[in-house]
Protein backbone atom coordinates (compact mmCIF):
# COMPACT_ATOMS: atom_id res chain seq x y z
CA MET A 1 -35.86 -60.59 -63.81
CA LYS A 2 -36.48 -63.23 -66.46
CA LEU A 3 -39.87 -62.70 -68.10
CA VAL A 4 -41.72 -64.63 -70.79
CA LEU A 5 -42.78 -62.96 -74.01
CA PHE A 6 -46.39 -63.18 -75.13
CA GLU A 7 -47.78 -62.30 -78.55
CA TYR A 8 -50.79 -59.97 -78.62
CA THR A 9 -53.19 -58.76 -81.29
CA CYS A 10 -54.70 -55.35 -80.57
CA LYS A 11 -58.49 -55.22 -80.78
CA CYS A 12 -58.45 -51.53 -81.67
CA CYS A 13 -55.95 -51.39 -84.54
CA GLY A 14 -55.08 -55.03 -85.33
CA ASN A 15 -51.39 -54.56 -84.51
CA PHE A 16 -49.45 -57.70 -83.65
CA TYR A 17 -46.86 -57.14 -80.90
CA LYS A 18 -44.90 -58.88 -78.15
CA ALA A 19 -44.78 -57.92 -74.49
CA PRO A 20 -43.33 -59.46 -71.33
CA GLN A 21 -45.28 -61.32 -68.67
CA ILE A 22 -44.46 -63.16 -65.47
CA ASN A 23 -43.94 -66.86 -66.11
CA PRO A 24 -47.45 -68.38 -66.17
CA TYR A 25 -46.35 -71.01 -63.64
CA ALA A 26 -45.23 -68.45 -61.06
CA TYR A 27 -47.53 -68.30 -58.05
CA GLY A 28 -48.30 -65.02 -56.31
CA GLU A 29 -46.16 -62.90 -58.62
CA PHE A 30 -47.69 -60.20 -60.80
CA LEU A 31 -46.85 -57.37 -63.13
CA LEU A 32 -48.75 -54.18 -62.48
CA ARG A 33 -49.35 -52.01 -65.53
CA LYS A 34 -50.69 -48.58 -66.35
CA ARG A 35 -53.27 -47.85 -69.00
CA ASN A 36 -51.76 -46.66 -72.28
CA SER A 37 -48.21 -47.00 -70.97
CA PRO A 38 -45.47 -49.63 -71.06
CA THR A 39 -44.51 -48.82 -67.45
CA LEU A 40 -44.36 -51.90 -65.19
CA ARG A 41 -44.10 -52.63 -61.48
CA TYR A 42 -43.42 -56.01 -59.90
CA LEU A 43 -45.53 -57.46 -57.09
CA ASP A 44 -44.61 -60.48 -54.97
CA ALA A 45 -48.06 -60.76 -53.40
CA LEU A 46 -47.15 -63.59 -51.02
CA ASN A 47 -44.50 -61.43 -49.37
CA THR A 48 -46.31 -58.09 -49.49
CA PRO A 49 -48.23 -57.26 -46.30
CA ALA A 50 -50.38 -54.68 -48.12
CA TYR A 51 -51.78 -57.43 -50.36
CA ALA A 52 -52.88 -59.49 -47.36
CA GLU A 53 -54.27 -56.39 -45.66
CA VAL A 54 -56.48 -55.47 -48.63
CA ALA A 55 -57.61 -59.12 -48.81
CA ASP A 56 -58.49 -58.95 -45.10
CA GLU A 57 -60.48 -55.76 -45.66
CA LEU A 58 -62.48 -57.51 -48.38
CA ARG A 59 -63.25 -60.42 -46.03
CA VAL A 60 -64.99 -58.07 -43.60
CA ASN A 61 -66.34 -55.42 -45.98
CA GLU A 62 -70.13 -55.46 -45.94
CA TYR A 63 -70.30 -55.54 -49.76
CA THR A 64 -67.77 -58.32 -50.36
CA ARG A 65 -67.79 -60.57 -47.29
CA ALA A 66 -70.63 -62.75 -48.64
CA LEU A 67 -68.73 -63.49 -51.84
CA ASP A 68 -67.06 -66.87 -52.26
CA ASP A 69 -63.27 -66.91 -51.89
CA ILE A 70 -62.58 -67.14 -55.63
CA THR A 71 -64.80 -64.19 -56.48
CA ARG A 72 -63.34 -62.17 -53.61
CA ALA A 73 -59.83 -62.96 -54.94
CA ASP A 74 -60.94 -61.62 -58.34
CA VAL A 75 -62.19 -58.44 -56.66
CA LEU A 76 -58.87 -58.15 -54.82
CA GLN A 77 -57.00 -58.20 -58.11
CA ILE A 78 -59.37 -55.63 -59.62
CA ILE A 79 -58.96 -53.11 -56.80
CA PHE A 80 -55.50 -53.76 -55.35
CA GLY A 81 -53.49 -51.40 -57.55
CA SER A 82 -55.77 -48.43 -56.93
CA ALA A 83 -56.33 -49.26 -53.28
CA ALA A 84 -52.82 -49.94 -52.02
CA CYS A 85 -50.10 -49.28 -54.61
CA ASP A 86 -48.46 -45.92 -54.93
CA PRO A 87 -49.30 -44.34 -58.28
CA ASP A 88 -46.64 -43.61 -60.87
CA VAL A 89 -44.88 -40.23 -60.93
CA ASP A 90 -47.61 -38.90 -63.25
CA GLY A 91 -50.28 -39.81 -60.67
CA GLU A 92 -51.74 -42.66 -62.73
CA PRO A 93 -52.51 -45.89 -60.85
CA PHE A 94 -51.04 -49.30 -61.52
CA GLU A 95 -53.41 -52.21 -62.09
CA LEU A 96 -53.20 -55.98 -61.76
CA GLY A 97 -54.42 -58.03 -64.70
CA LEU A 98 -54.18 -55.21 -67.20
CA LEU A 99 -52.95 -56.35 -70.59
CA PRO A 100 -49.92 -54.55 -72.04
CA CYS A 101 -50.58 -51.54 -74.21
CA CYS A 102 -50.40 -51.80 -77.98
CA THR A 103 -47.12 -50.56 -79.41
CA ASP A 104 -49.02 -48.69 -82.16
CA CYS A 105 -52.16 -47.17 -80.61
CA GLY A 106 -51.47 -47.52 -76.87
CA GLU A 107 -54.75 -49.28 -76.04
CA THR A 108 -54.84 -52.19 -73.58
CA VAL A 109 -57.52 -54.27 -75.28
CA SER A 110 -56.36 -57.38 -77.14
CA ILE A 111 -58.44 -59.88 -79.08
CA SER A 112 -55.88 -62.62 -78.65
CA TRP A 113 -52.71 -63.39 -76.76
CA GLN A 114 -50.52 -66.42 -76.31
CA ILE A 115 -47.07 -67.34 -75.15
CA THR A 116 -44.52 -67.28 -77.97
CA ASP A 117 -43.76 -70.60 -79.66
CA PRO A 118 -40.96 -71.39 -79.22
CA ILE A 119 -40.91 -69.72 -75.82
CA GLU A 120 -38.91 -66.49 -75.75
CA PHE A 121 -37.52 -64.86 -72.63
CA VAL A 122 -36.40 -61.34 -71.90
CA GLU A 123 -34.45 -59.93 -68.96
CA LYS A 124 -35.93 -56.77 -67.43
CA ASP A 125 -34.99 -54.72 -64.42
CA LEU A 126 -38.33 -54.35 -62.67
CA ILE A 127 -39.13 -51.75 -60.05
CA PRO A 128 -41.09 -53.25 -57.16
CA ALA A 129 -44.48 -51.76 -56.39
CA THR A 130 -44.46 -49.46 -53.37
CA PHE A 131 -47.14 -48.84 -50.75
CA SER A 132 -46.19 -45.66 -48.87
CA GLY A 133 -49.65 -44.14 -49.16
CA TRP A 134 -51.33 -47.30 -47.87
CA LEU A 135 -48.86 -47.72 -45.02
CA ASN A 136 -49.47 -44.15 -43.86
CA LEU A 137 -53.23 -44.71 -43.53
CA THR A 138 -54.90 -45.60 -40.26
CA GLY A 139 -56.98 -48.78 -40.10
CA ARG A 140 -60.15 -46.73 -40.44
CA ASP A 141 -58.78 -44.83 -43.44
CA ARG A 142 -57.76 -48.12 -45.08
CA LYS A 143 -61.37 -49.32 -44.80
CA LYS A 144 -62.54 -46.06 -46.36
CA LYS A 145 -59.99 -46.36 -49.17
CA VAL A 146 -61.09 -49.92 -50.01
CA LEU A 147 -64.73 -48.84 -50.04
CA ALA A 148 -63.93 -45.82 -52.23
CA VAL A 149 -62.08 -47.98 -54.75
CA LEU A 150 -64.86 -50.58 -54.72
CA THR A 151 -67.35 -47.82 -55.39
CA ARG A 152 -65.31 -46.44 -58.27
CA LEU A 153 -64.09 -49.64 -59.93
CA SER A 154 -66.26 -52.57 -59.07
CA ARG A 155 -69.72 -53.99 -59.53
CA PHE A 156 -69.54 -55.13 -55.90
CA ALA A 157 -69.91 -51.60 -54.61
CA PRO A 158 -72.96 -50.08 -52.97
CA THR A 159 -75.55 -48.64 -55.31
CA ARG A 160 -78.66 -46.91 -54.08
CA GLY A 161 -78.32 -48.49 -50.66
CA ARG A 162 -77.90 -52.10 -51.81
CA ARG A 163 -75.15 -54.36 -53.06
CA GLU A 164 -75.33 -55.21 -56.73
CA GLU A 165 -75.45 -58.90 -57.47
CA ILE A 166 -72.76 -60.65 -59.45
């Protein structure tokens, strides 16, 4: 797959490095990343039933159904990797929206990033994300999984019997 290179500056160590991203003009396509690892997975969200199913769960979930569509889409991207994607062989989850890890210190916190100028491309063989765990869950268990991930990862989760405000 043809990816675009971005330039990053690590917030932790100041290292300047390049890493691939999906073309910024692509719609519904994402790279899933792991923390402190260069491992990637590809997601074509528009053609992945699991993505729509997690989105549907968020539309009816008591803690997220009152959110506007844009905020709920943000929540979907925060939780999707942990909720529906199979983890890597080491058991670590993949995440949407995670910046690439620094080539020196391995952290995923950058103070700046931009597309290279002139634009540089790189060809990479990407492994598609898989969803075996999600597909093997019953509808009820999928609801529980979404709630568990919301509770663990998101400010939209229940706390002391109430939903936290945005």
